[in-house]
Amino acid sequence: MMRMRALLFFLLVFTGSGLARAHEGHLHRVLGTIHAVRADRLEVEDAAGAIHAFQITPGTKILRGEVAVPSSRLRVGEKVAVEAQEQGSLLLAVRVRLGKAPASPGTPK
């Protein structure tokens, strides 16, 4: 019985510590609509209504299709997919993918 407890203890310790380390390095992915945007910050509202905040850095890639666009092209209400890396308490946007270009006011749908 004592052996079983020791084995269980070691399994929990080693498995638990591996899970904690794995969490730090994975990308967070959020699909939603741009709720707010500033030069260095992007807020996205997901389908459940939760707001997620991301830091925009010089290394953030912002793409419409396969074409890179500047952060000044981000617009409230636009559909986005964000991949972010956790760094301390911040989520740093690594890649922001924009939906199709919004229709111009005079363009038929």
PDB file of N, CA and C in Angstrom:
ATOM      1  N   MET A   1       0.829  -1.195   0.000  1.00  0.00           N
ATOM      2  CA  MET A   1       0.000   0.000   0.000  1.00  0.00           C
ATOM      3  C   MET A   1       0.872   1.257   0.000  1.00  0.00           C
ATOM      4  N   MET A   2       1.928   1.222   0.798  1.00  0.00           N
ATOM      5  CA  MET A   2       2.821   2.367   0.875  1.00  0.00           C
ATOM      6  C   MET A   2       3.504   2.608  -0.475  1.00  0.00           C
ATOM      7  N   ARG A   3       3.875   1.516  -1.153  1.00  0.00           N
ATOM      8  CA  ARG A   3       4.503   1.635  -2.472  1.00  0.00           C
ATOM      9  C   ARG A   3       3.568   2.306  -3.467  1.00  0.00           C
ATOM     10  N   MET A   4       2.290   1.931  -3.403  1.00  0.00           N
ATOM     11  CA  MET A   4       1.291   2.483  -4.310  1.00  0.00           C
ATOM     12  C   MET A   4       1.143   3.988  -4.077  1.00  0.00           C
ATOM     13  N   ARG A   5       1.116   4.403  -2.841  1.00  0.00           N
ATOM     14  CA  ARG A   5       1.008   5.830  -2.520  1.00  0.00           C
ATOM     15  C   ARG A   5       2.233   6.594  -3.018  1.00  0.00           C
ATOM     16  N   ALA A   6       3.413   6.027  -2.813  1.00  0.00           N
ATOM     17  CA  ALA A   6       4.642   6.676  -3.274  1.00  0.00           C
ATOM     18  C   ALA A   6       4.632   6.808  -4.790  1.00  0.00           C
ATOM     19  N   LEU A   7       4.216   5.759  -5.481  1.00  0.00           N
ATOM     20  CA  LEU A   7       4.147   5.801  -6.944  1.00  0.00           C
ATOM     21  C   LEU A   7       3.150   6.854  -7.406  1.00  0.00           C
ATOM     22  N   LEU A   8       1.994   6.879  -6.780  1.00  0.00           N
ATOM     23  CA  LEU A   8       0.975   7.868  -7.114  1.00  0.00           C
ATOM     24  C   LEU A   8       1.485   9.285  -6.866  1.00  0.00           C
ATOM     25  N   PHE A   9       2.148   9.494  -5.755  1.00  0.00           N
ATOM     26  CA  PHE A   9       2.714  10.803  -5.432  1.00  0.00           C
ATOM     27  C   PHE A   9       3.698  11.259  -6.512  1.00  0.00           C
ATOM     28  N   PHE A  10       4.631  10.383  -6.905  1.00  0.00           N
ATOM     29  CA  PHE A  10       5.613  10.747  -7.917  1.00  0.00           C
ATOM     30  C   PHE A  10       4.964  11.010  -9.269  1.00  0.00           C
ATOM     31  N   LEU A  11       3.964  10.224  -9.628  1.00  0.00           N
ATOM     32  CA  LEU A  11       3.264  10.452 -10.895  1.00  0.00           C
ATOM     33  C   LEU A  11       2.575  11.818 -10.909  1.00  0.00           C
ATOM     34  N   LEU A  12       1.921  12.155  -9.807  1.00  0.00           N
ATOM     35  CA  LEU A  12       1.251  13.450  -9.727  1.00  0.00           C
ATOM     36  C   LEU A  12       2.241  14.608  -9.782  1.00  0.00           C
ATOM     37  N   VAL A  13       3.333  14.478  -9.068  1.00  0.00           N
ATOM     38  CA  VAL A  13       4.337  15.551  -9.049  1.00  0.00           C
ATOM     39  C   VAL A  13       4.935  15.755 -10.437  1.00  0.00           C
ATOM     40  N   PHE A  14       5.360  14.679 -11.084  1.00  0.00           N
ATOM     41  CA  PHE A  14       6.010  14.825 -12.393  1.00  0.00           C
ATOM     42  C   PHE A  14       5.028  15.194 -13.491  1.00  0.00           C
ATOM     43  N   THR A  15       3.842  14.635 -13.471  1.00  0.00           N
ATOM     44  CA  THR A  15       2.845  14.968 -14.485  1.00  0.00           C
ATOM     45  C   THR A  15       2.366  16.398 -14.293  1.00  0.00           C
ATOM     46  N   GLY A  16       2.089  16.796 -13.069  1.00  0.00           N
ATOM     47  CA  GLY A  16       1.620  18.154 -12.787  1.00  0.00           C
ATOM     48  C   GLY A  16       2.620  19.212 -13.183  1.00  0.00           C
ATOM     49  N   SER A  17       3.895  19.002 -12.909  1.00  0.00           N
ATOM     50  CA  SER A  17       4.899  20.002 -13.259  1.00  0.00           C
ATOM     51  C   SER A  17       5.070  20.093 -14.766  1.00  0.00           C
ATOM     52  N   GLY A  18       4.907  18.986 -15.476  1.00  0.00           N
ATOM     53  CA  GLY A  18       4.990  19.016 -16.939  1.00  0.00           C
ATOM     54  C   GLY A  18       3.842  19.793 -17.537  1.00  0.00           C
ATOM     55  N   LEU A  19       2.664  19.648 -16.969  1.00  0.00           N
ATOM     56  CA  LEU A  19       1.513  20.391 -17.474  1.00  0.00           C
ATOM     57  C   LEU A  19       1.688  21.878 -17.235  1.00  0.00           C
ATOM     58  N   ALA A  20       2.218  22.252 -16.095  1.00  0.00           N
ATOM     59  CA  ALA A  20       2.412  23.670 -15.802  1.00  0.00           C
ATOM     60  C   ALA A  20       3.396  24.291 -16.795  1.00  0.00           C
ATOM     61  N   ARG A  21       4.476  23.575 -17.101  1.00  0.00           N
ATOM     62  CA  ARG A  21       5.452  24.115 -18.058  1.00  0.00           C
ATOM     63  C   ARG A  21       4.862  24.185 -19.458  1.00  0.00           C
ATOM     64  N   ALA A  22       4.063  23.207 -19.843  1.00  0.00           N
ATOM     65  CA  ALA A  22       3.486  23.190 -21.188  1.00  0.00           C
ATOM     66  C   ALA A  22       2.549  24.370 -21.371  1.00  0.00           C
ATOM     67  N   HIS A  23       1.873  24.807 -20.326  1.00  0.00           N
ATOM     68  CA  HIS A  23       0.920  25.905 -20.440  1.00  0.00           C
ATOM     69  C   HIS A  23       1.588  27.226 -20.785  1.00  0.00           C
ATOM     70  N   GLU A  24       2.778  27.454 -20.268  1.00  0.00           N
ATOM     71  CA  GLU A  24       3.464  28.720 -20.494  1.00  0.00           C
ATOM     72  C   GLU A  24       3.792  28.960 -21.955  1.00  0.00           C
ATOM     73  N   GLY A  25       4.108  27.921 -22.707  1.00  0.00           N
ATOM     74  CA  GLY A  25       4.606  28.114 -24.055  1.00  0.00           C
ATOM     75  C   GLY A  25       3.593  28.019 -25.168  1.00  0.00           C
ATOM     76  N   HIS A  26       2.349  27.678 -24.886  1.00  0.00           N
ATOM     77  CA  HIS A  26       1.409  27.501 -25.994  1.00  0.00           C
ATOM     78  C   HIS A  26       0.777  28.817 -26.427  1.00  0.00           C
ATOM     79  N   LEU A  27       0.286  28.846 -27.648  1.00  0.00           N
ATOM     80  CA  LEU A  27      -0.387  30.034 -28.165  1.00  0.00           C
ATOM     81  C   LEU A  27      -1.850  30.034 -27.755  1.00  0.00           C
ATOM     82  N   HIS A  28      -2.344  31.200 -27.376  1.00  0.00           N
ATOM     83  CA  HIS A  28      -3.764  31.388 -27.102  1.00  0.00           C
ATOM     84  C   HIS A  28      -4.396  31.827 -28.419  1.00  0.00           C
ATOM     85  N   ARG A  29      -5.541  31.256 -28.761  1.00  0.00           N
ATOM     86  CA  ARG A  29      -6.237  31.622 -29.995  1.00  0.00           C
ATOM     87  C   ARG A  29      -7.627  32.135 -29.644  1.00  0.00           C
ATOM     88  N   VAL A  30      -7.969  33.291 -30.199  1.00  0.00           N
ATOM     89  CA  VAL A  30      -9.285  33.875 -29.959  1.00  0.00           C
ATOM     90  C   VAL A  30      -9.872  34.311 -31.296  1.00  0.00           C
ATOM     91  N   LEU A  31     -11.104  33.895 -31.541  1.00  0.00           N
ATOM     92  CA  LEU A  31     -11.851  34.339 -32.712  1.00  0.00           C
ATOM     93  C   LEU A  31     -12.916  35.301 -32.217  1.00  0.00           C
ATOM     94  N   GLY A  32     -13.122  36.385 -32.940  1.00  0.00           N
ATOM     95  CA  GLY A  32     -14.157  37.323 -32.516  1.00  0.00           C
ATOM     96  C   GLY A  32     -14.179  38.576 -33.346  1.00  0.00           C
ATOM     97  N   THR A  33     -14.694  39.619 -32.727  1.00  0.00           N
ATOM     98  CA  THR A  33     -14.877  40.917 -33.367  1.00  0.00           C
ATOM     99  C   THR A  33     -14.069  41.953 -32.605  1.00  0.00           C
ATOM    100  N   ILE A  34     -13.430  42.852 -33.325  1.00  0.00           N
ATOM    101  CA  ILE A  34     -12.652  43.909 -32.665  1.00  0.00           C
ATOM    102  C   ILE A  34     -13.611  44.789 -31.865  1.00  0.00           C
ATOM    103  N   HIS A  35     -13.345  44.883 -30.576  1.00  0.00           N
ATOM    104  CA  HIS A  35     -14.152  45.677 -29.654  1.00  0.00           C
ATOM    105  C   HIS A  35     -13.556  47.080 -29.481  1.00  0.00           C
ATOM    106  N   ALA A  36     -12.227  47.151 -29.433  1.00  0.00           N
ATOM    107  CA  ALA A  36     -11.517  48.426 -29.287  1.00  0.00           C
ATOM    108  C   ALA A  36     -10.100  48.238 -29.814  1.00  0.00           C
ATOM    109  N   VAL A  37      -9.519  49.325 -30.307  1.00  0.00           N
ATOM    110  CA  VAL A  37      -8.147  49.249 -30.824  1.00  0.00           C
ATOM    111  C   VAL A  37      -7.428  50.571 -30.557  1.00  0.00           C
ATOM    112  N   ARG A  38      -6.164  50.443 -30.130  1.00  0.00           N
ATOM    113  CA  ARG A  38      -5.258  51.579 -29.966  1.00  0.00           C
ATOM    114  C   ARG A  38      -3.950  51.180 -30.630  1.00  0.00           C
ATOM    115  N   ALA A  39      -3.000  52.060 -30.639  1.00  0.00           N
ATOM    116  CA  ALA A  39      -1.723  51.789 -31.308  1.00  0.00           C
ATOM    117  C   ALA A  39      -1.036  50.543 -30.753  1.00  0.00           C
ATOM    118  N   ASP A  40      -1.147  50.315 -29.435  1.00  0.00           N
ATOM    119  CA  ASP A  40      -0.422  49.201 -28.823  1.00  0.00           C
ATOM    120  C   ASP A  40      -1.324  48.168 -28.158  1.00  0.00           C
ATOM    121  N   ARG A  41      -2.632  48.254 -28.391  1.00  0.00           N
ATOM    122  CA  ARG A  41      -3.574  47.353 -27.698  1.00  0.00           C
ATOM    123  C   ARG A  41      -4.768  47.029 -28.591  1.00  0.00           C
ATOM    124  N   LEU A  42      -5.183  45.779 -28.512  1.00  0.00           N
ATOM    125  CA  LEU A  42      -6.329  45.300 -29.276  1.00  0.00           C
ATOM    126  C   LEU A  42      -7.250  44.551 -28.322  1.00  0.00           C
ATOM    127  N   GLU A  43      -8.538  44.874 -28.353  1.00  0.00           N
ATOM    128  CA  GLU A  43      -9.515  44.158 -27.543  1.00  0.00           C
ATOM    129  C   GLU A  43     -10.475  43.454 -28.486  1.00  0.00           C
ATOM    130  N   VAL A  44     -10.690  42.155 -28.232  1.00  0.00           N
ATOM    131  CA  VAL A  44     -11.536  41.331 -29.092  1.00  0.00           C
ATOM    132  C   VAL A  44     -12.652  40.727 -28.253  1.00  0.00           C
ATOM    133  N   GLU A  45     -13.884  40.809 -28.766  1.00  0.00           N
ATOM    134  CA  GLU A  45     -15.029  40.192 -28.105  1.00  0.00           C
ATOM    135  C   GLU A  45     -15.299  38.855 -28.777  1.00  0.00           C
ATOM    136  N   ASP A  46     -15.296  37.781 -27.982  1.00  0.00           N
ATOM    137  CA  ASP A  46     -15.528  36.456 -28.556  1.00  0.00           C
ATOM    138  C   ASP A  46     -17.032  36.179 -28.657  1.00  0.00           C
ATOM    139  N   ALA A  47     -17.397  35.019 -29.166  1.00  0.00           N
ATOM    140  CA  ALA A  47     -18.799  34.665 -29.387  1.00  0.00           C
ATOM    141  C   ALA A  47     -19.608  34.621 -28.092  1.00  0.00           C
ATOM    142  N   ALA A  48     -18.955  34.354 -26.975  1.00  0.00           N
ATOM    143  CA  ALA A  48     -19.636  34.304 -25.680  1.00  0.00           C
ATOM    144  C   ALA A  48     -19.790  35.684 -25.047  1.00  0.00           C
ATOM    145  N   GLY A  49     -19.211  36.720 -25.682  1.00  0.00           N
ATOM    146  CA  GLY A  49     -19.308  38.080 -25.155  1.00  0.00           C
ATOM    147  C   GLY A  49     -18.156  38.476 -24.256  1.00  0.00           C
ATOM    148  N   ALA A  50     -17.178  37.597 -24.064  1.00  0.00           N
ATOM    149  CA  ALA A  50     -16.015  37.924 -23.229  1.00  0.00           C
ATOM    150  C   ALA A  50     -15.050  38.808 -24.017  1.00  0.00           C
ATOM    151  N   ILE A  51     -14.455  39.781 -23.339  1.00  0.00           N
ATOM    152  CA  ILE A  51     -13.490  40.686 -23.961  1.00  0.00           C
ATOM    153  C   ILE A  51     -12.083  40.204 -23.622  1.00  0.00           C
ATOM    154  N   HIS A  52     -11.243  40.053 -24.650  1.00  0.00           N
ATOM    155  CA  HIS A  52      -9.852  39.623 -24.487  1.00  0.00           C
ATOM    156  C   HIS A  52      -8.956  40.770 -24.944  1.00  0.00           C
ATOM    157  N   ALA A  53      -7.963  41.139 -24.120  1.00  0.00           N
ATOM    158  CA  ALA A  53      -7.048  42.238 -24.435  1.00  0.00           C
ATOM    159  C   ALA A  53      -5.686  41.684 -24.849  1.00  0.00           C
ATOM    160  N   PHE A  54      -5.121  42.252 -25.906  1.00  0.00           N
ATOM    161  CA  PHE A  54      -3.827  41.824 -26.435  1.00  0.00           C
ATOM    162  C   PHE A  54      -2.929  43.040 -26.638  1.00  0.00           C
ATOM    163  N   GLN A  55      -1.633  42.869 -26.318  1.00  0.00           N
ATOM    164  CA  GLN A  55      -0.625  43.892 -26.612  1.00  0.00           C
ATOM    165  C   GLN A  55      -0.206  43.729 -28.064  1.00  0.00           C
ATOM    166  N   ILE A  56      -0.170  44.816 -28.798  1.00  0.00           N
ATOM    167  CA  ILE A  56       0.372  44.817 -30.157  1.00  0.00           C
ATOM    168  C   ILE A  56       1.813  45.302 -30.044  1.00  0.00           C
ATOM    169  N   THR A  57       2.747  44.528 -30.566  1.00  0.00           N
ATOM    170  CA  THR A  57       4.165  44.859 -30.502  1.00  0.00           C
ATOM    171  C   THR A  57       4.694  45.067 -31.911  1.00  0.00           C
ATOM    172  N   PRO A  58       5.908  45.583 -32.055  1.00  0.00           N
ATOM    173  CA  PRO A  58       6.491  45.705 -33.397  1.00  0.00           C
ATOM    174  C   PRO A  58       6.616  44.352 -34.105  1.00  0.00           C
ATOM    175  N   GLY A  59       6.658  43.262 -33.351  1.00  0.00           N
ATOM    176  CA  GLY A  59       6.767  41.940 -33.945  1.00  0.00           C
ATOM    177  C   GLY A  59       5.430  41.303 -34.315  1.00  0.00           C
ATOM    178  N   THR A  60       4.310  41.948 -33.977  1.00  0.00           N
ATOM    179  CA  THR A  60       2.996  41.406 -34.300  1.00  0.00           C
ATOM    180  C   THR A  60       2.773  41.439 -35.803  1.00  0.00           C
ATOM    181  N   LYS A  61       2.378  40.289 -36.366  1.00  0.00           N
ATOM    182  CA  LYS A  61       2.060  40.210 -37.795  1.00  0.00           C
ATOM    183  C   LYS A  61       0.559  40.378 -37.955  1.00  0.00           C
ATOM    184  N   ILE A  62       0.166  41.364 -38.744  1.00  0.00           N
ATOM    185  CA  ILE A  62      -1.249  41.603 -39.017  1.00  0.00           C
ATOM    186  C   ILE A  62      -1.466  41.299 -40.492  1.00  0.00           C
ATOM    187  N   LEU A  63      -2.359  40.348 -40.759  1.00  0.00           N
ATOM    188  CA  LEU A  63      -2.545  39.859 -42.122  1.00  0.00           C
ATOM    189  C   LEU A  63      -4.009  39.935 -42.549  1.00  0.00           C
ATOM    190  N   ARG A  64      -4.216  40.307 -43.799  1.00  0.00           N
ATOM    191  CA  ARG A  64      -5.523  40.178 -44.447  1.00  0.00           C
ATOM    192  C   ARG A  64      -5.271  39.191 -45.579  1.00  0.00           C
ATOM    193  N   GLY A  65      -5.720  37.959 -45.404  1.00  0.00           N
ATOM    194  CA  GLY A  65      -5.326  36.897 -46.322  1.00  0.00           C
ATOM    195  C   GLY A  65      -3.866  36.599 -46.054  1.00  0.00           C
ATOM    196  N   GLU A  66      -3.040  36.683 -47.086  1.00  0.00           N
ATOM    197  CA  GLU A  66      -1.591  36.479 -46.921  1.00  0.00           C
ATOM    198  C   GLU A  66      -0.819  37.787 -47.002  1.00  0.00           C
ATOM    199  N   VAL A  67      -1.534  38.904 -47.064  1.00  0.00           N
ATOM    200  CA  VAL A  67      -0.910  40.215 -47.235  1.00  0.00           C
ATOM    201  C   VAL A  67      -0.798  40.922 -45.884  1.00  0.00           C
ATOM    202  N   ALA A  68       0.413  41.368 -45.553  1.00  0.00           N
ATOM    203  CA  ALA A  68       0.634  42.107 -44.308  1.00  0.00           C
ATOM    204  C   ALA A  68       0.023  43.500 -44.424  1.00  0.00           C
ATOM    205  N   VAL A  69      -0.641  43.930 -43.358  1.00  0.00           N
ATOM    206  CA  VAL A  69      -1.221  45.278 -43.319  1.00  0.00           C
ATOM    207  C   VAL A  69      -0.788  45.945 -42.016  1.00  0.00           C
ATOM    208  N   PRO A  70      -0.738  47.287 -41.979  1.00  0.00           N
ATOM    209  CA  PRO A  70      -0.342  47.978 -40.746  1.00  0.00           C
ATOM    210  C   PRO A  70      -1.471  47.934 -39.704  1.00  0.00           C
ATOM    211  N   SER A  71      -1.103  48.111 -38.442  1.00  0.00           N
ATOM    212  CA  SER A  71      -2.104  48.086 -37.371  1.00  0.00           C
ATOM    213  C   SER A  71      -3.125  49.216 -37.516  1.00  0.00           C
ATOM    214  N   SER A  72      -2.782  50.247 -38.255  1.00  0.00           N
ATOM    215  CA  SER A  72      -3.729  51.351 -38.476  1.00  0.00           C
ATOM    216  C   SER A  72      -4.945  50.898 -39.284  1.00  0.00           C
ATOM    217  N   ARG A  73      -4.887  49.709 -39.895  1.00  0.00           N
ATOM    218  CA  ARG A  73      -6.007  49.185 -40.687  1.00  0.00           C
ATOM    219  C   ARG A  73      -7.010  48.400 -39.841  1.00  0.00           C
ATOM    220  N   LEU A  74      -6.709  48.212 -38.553  1.00  0.00           N
ATOM    221  CA  LEU A  74      -7.639  47.518 -37.658  1.00  0.00           C
ATOM    222  C   LEU A  74      -8.825  48.430 -37.368  1.00  0.00           C
ATOM    223  N   ARG A  75     -10.048  47.889 -37.501  1.00  0.00           N
ATOM    224  CA  ARG A  75     -11.257  48.680 -37.300  1.00  0.00           C
ATOM    225  C   ARG A  75     -12.221  47.975 -36.345  1.00  0.00           C
ATOM    226  N   VAL A  76     -12.842  48.744 -35.470  1.00  0.00           N
ATOM    227  CA  VAL A  76     -13.849  48.206 -34.561  1.00  0.00           C
ATOM    228  C   VAL A  76     -14.956  47.568 -35.394  1.00  0.00           C
ATOM    229  N   GLY A  77     -15.396  46.384 -34.970  1.00  0.00           N
ATOM    230  CA  GLY A  77     -16.470  45.678 -35.659  1.00  0.00           C
ATOM    231  C   GLY A  77     -15.983  44.652 -36.666  1.00  0.00           C
ATOM    232  N   GLU A  78     -14.688  44.668 -36.963  1.00  0.00           N
ATOM    233  CA  GLU A  78     -14.124  43.740 -37.939  1.00  0.00           C
ATOM    234  C   GLU A  78     -13.882  42.369 -37.298  1.00  0.00           C
ATOM    235  N   LYS A  79     -14.099  41.308 -38.062  1.00  0.00           N
ATOM    236  CA  LYS A  79     -13.854  39.941 -37.596  1.00  0.00           C
ATOM    237  C   LYS A  79     -12.354  39.664 -37.610  1.00  0.00           C
ATOM    238  N   VAL A  80     -11.856  39.016 -36.534  1.00  0.00           N
ATOM    239  CA  VAL A  80     -10.428  38.697 -36.438  1.00  0.00           C
ATOM    240  C   VAL A  80     -10.204  37.340 -35.784  1.00  0.00           C
ATOM    241  N   ALA A  81      -9.034  36.796 -36.056  1.00  0.00           N
ATOM    242  CA  ALA A  81      -8.520  35.621 -35.354  1.00  0.00           C
ATOM    243  C   ALA A  81      -7.163  36.041 -34.809  1.00  0.00           C
ATOM    244  N   VAL A  82      -6.988  35.936 -33.506  1.00  0.00           N
ATOM    245  CA  VAL A  82      -5.752  36.384 -32.855  1.00  0.00           C
ATOM    246  C   VAL A  82      -5.037  35.191 -32.241  1.00  0.00           C
ATOM    247  N   GLU A  83      -3.728  35.105 -32.480  1.00  0.00           N
ATOM    248  CA  GLU A  83      -2.862  34.147 -31.799  1.00  0.00           C
ATOM    249  C   GLU A  83      -1.947  34.965 -30.913  1.00  0.00           C
ATOM    250  N   ALA A  84      -1.880  34.607 -29.639  1.00  0.00           N
ATOM    251  CA  ALA A  84      -1.091  35.395 -28.689  1.00  0.00           C
ATOM    252  C   ALA A  84      -0.270  34.497 -27.777  1.00  0.00           C
ATOM    253  N   GLN A  85       0.847  35.042 -27.348  1.00  0.00           N
ATOM    254  CA  GLN A  85       1.771  34.354 -26.442  1.00  0.00           C
ATOM    255  C   GLN A  85       1.632  34.990 -25.063  1.00  0.00           C
ATOM    256  N   GLU A  86       1.502  34.171 -24.044  1.00  0.00           N
ATOM    257  CA  GLU A  86       1.410  34.671 -22.683  1.00  0.00           C
ATOM    258  C   GLU A  86       2.793  35.068 -22.196  1.00  0.00           C
ATOM    259  N   GLN A  87       2.892  36.277 -21.651  1.00  0.00           N
ATOM    260  CA  GLN A  87       4.150  36.746 -21.071  1.00  0.00           C
ATOM    261  C   GLN A  87       3.809  37.444 -19.764  1.00  0.00           C
ATOM    262  N   GLY A  88       3.992  36.728 -18.673  1.00  0.00           N
ATOM    263  CA  GLY A  88       3.576  37.260 -17.375  1.00  0.00           C
ATOM    264  C   GLY A  88       2.062  37.386 -17.366  1.00  0.00           C
ATOM    265  N   SER A  89       1.573  38.577 -17.056  1.00  0.00           N
ATOM    266  CA  SER A  89       0.125  38.796 -17.026  1.00  0.00           C
ATOM    267  C   SER A  89      -0.406  39.329 -18.361  1.00  0.00           C
ATOM    268  N   LEU A  90       0.478  39.498 -19.352  1.00  0.00           N
ATOM    269  CA  LEU A  90       0.069  40.047 -20.655  1.00  0.00           C
ATOM    270  C   LEU A  90      -0.104  38.958 -21.699  1.00  0.00           C
ATOM    271  N   LEU A  91      -0.970  39.233 -22.658  1.00  0.00           N
ATOM    272  CA  LEU A  91      -1.069  38.411 -23.861  1.00  0.00           C
ATOM    273  C   LEU A  91      -0.516  39.248 -25.006  1.00  0.00           C
ATOM    274  N   LEU A  92       0.618  38.814 -25.561  1.00  0.00           N
ATOM    275  CA  LEU A  92       1.248  39.537 -26.665  1.00  0.00           C
ATOM    276  C   LEU A  92       0.738  38.960 -27.978  1.00  0.00           C
ATOM    277  N   ALA A  93       0.123  39.802 -28.801  1.00  0.00           N
ATOM    278  CA  ALA A  93      -0.391  39.344 -30.091  1.00  0.00           C
ATOM    279  C   ALA A  93       0.788  38.966 -30.984  1.00  0.00           C
ATOM    280  N   VAL A  94       0.800  37.726 -31.445  1.00  0.00           N
ATOM    281  CA  VAL A  94       1.835  37.236 -32.352  1.00  0.00           C
ATOM    282  C   VAL A  94       1.355  37.411 -33.782  1.00  0.00           C
ATOM    283  N   ARG A  95       0.095  37.002 -34.020  1.00  0.00           N
ATOM    284  CA  ARG A  95      -0.482  37.079 -35.362  1.00  0.00           C
ATOM    285  C   ARG A  95      -1.953  37.479 -35.249  1.00  0.00           C
ATOM    286  N   VAL A  96      -2.349  38.451 -36.061  1.00  0.00           N
ATOM    287  CA  VAL A  96      -3.741  38.877 -36.140  1.00  0.00           C
ATOM    288  C   VAL A  96      -4.173  38.689 -37.582  1.00  0.00           C
ATOM    289  N   ARG A  97      -5.189  37.852 -37.786  1.00  0.00           N
ATOM    290  CA  ARG A  97      -5.716  37.626 -39.134  1.00  0.00           C
ATOM    291  C   ARG A  97      -7.064  38.312 -39.243  1.00  0.00           C
ATOM    292  N   LEU A  98      -7.162  39.187 -40.240  1.00  0.00           N
ATOM    293  CA  LEU A  98      -8.402  39.922 -40.468  1.00  0.00           C
ATOM    294  C   LEU A  98      -9.279  39.155 -41.438  1.00  0.00           C
ATOM    295  N   GLY A  99     -10.593  39.367 -41.325  1.00  0.00           N
ATOM    296  CA  GLY A  99     -11.528  38.767 -42.263  1.00  0.00           C
ATOM    297  C   GLY A  99     -11.419  39.468 -43.606  1.00  0.00           C
ATOM    298  N   LYS A 100     -12.354  39.159 -44.491  1.00  0.00           N
ATOM    299  CA  LYS A 100     -12.379  39.815 -45.796  1.00  0.00           C
ATOM    300  C   LYS A 100     -12.507  41.315 -45.600  1.00  0.00           C
ATOM    301  N   ALA A 101     -11.992  42.061 -46.564  1.00  0.00           N
ATOM    302  CA  ALA A 101     -12.065  43.519 -46.480  1.00  0.00           C
ATOM    303  C   ALA A 101     -13.525  43.948 -46.399  1.00  0.00           C
ATOM    304  N   PRO A 102     -13.846  44.880 -45.486  1.00  0.00           N
ATOM    305  CA  PRO A 102     -15.224  45.344 -45.389  1.00  0.00           C
ATOM    306  C   PRO A 102     -15.646  46.030 -46.686  1.00  0.00           C
ATOM    307  N   ALA A 103     -16.907  45.857 -47.059  1.00  0.00           N
ATOM    308  CA  ALA A 103     -17.412  46.449 -48.296  1.00  0.00           C
ATOM    309  C   ALA A 103     -17.429  47.972 -48.188  1.00  0.00           C
ATOM    310  N   SER A 104     -17.103  48.637 -49.258  1.00  0.00           N
ATOM    311  CA  SER A 104     -17.190  50.093 -49.309  1.00  0.00           C
ATOM    312  C   SER A 104     -18.661  50.476 -49.306  1.00  0.00           C
ATOM    313  N   PRO A 105     -18.998  51.694 -48.830  1.00  0.00           N
ATOM    314  CA  PRO A 105     -20.404  52.087 -48.747  1.00  0.00           C
ATOM    315  C   PRO A 105     -21.159  51.980 -50.084  1.00  0.00           C
ATOM    316  N   GLY A 106     -20.501  52.216 -51.212  1.00  0.00           N
ATOM    317  CA  GLY A 106     -21.185  52.181 -52.494  1.00  0.00           C
ATOM    318  C   GLY A 106     -21.086  50.835 -53.203  1.00  0.00           C
ATOM    319  N   THR A 107     -20.476  49.846 -52.578  1.00  0.00           N
ATOM    320  CA  THR A 107     -20.278  48.551 -53.215  1.00  0.00           C
ATOM    321  C   THR A 107     -21.490  47.647 -52.980  1.00  0.00           C
ATOM    322  N   PRO A 108     -22.058  47.060 -54.070  1.00  0.00           N
ATOM    323  CA  PRO A 108     -23.186  46.134 -53.859  1.00  0.00           C
ATOM    324  C   PRO A 108     -22.720  44.858 -53.180  1.00  0.00           C
ATOM    325  N   LYS A 109     -23.599  44.235 -52.401  1.00  0.00           N
ATOM    326  CA  LYS A 109     -23.230  43.006 -51.670  1.00  0.00           C
ATOM    327  C   LYS A 109     -23.441  41.780 -52.486  1.00  0.00           C
TER     328      LYS A 109
END
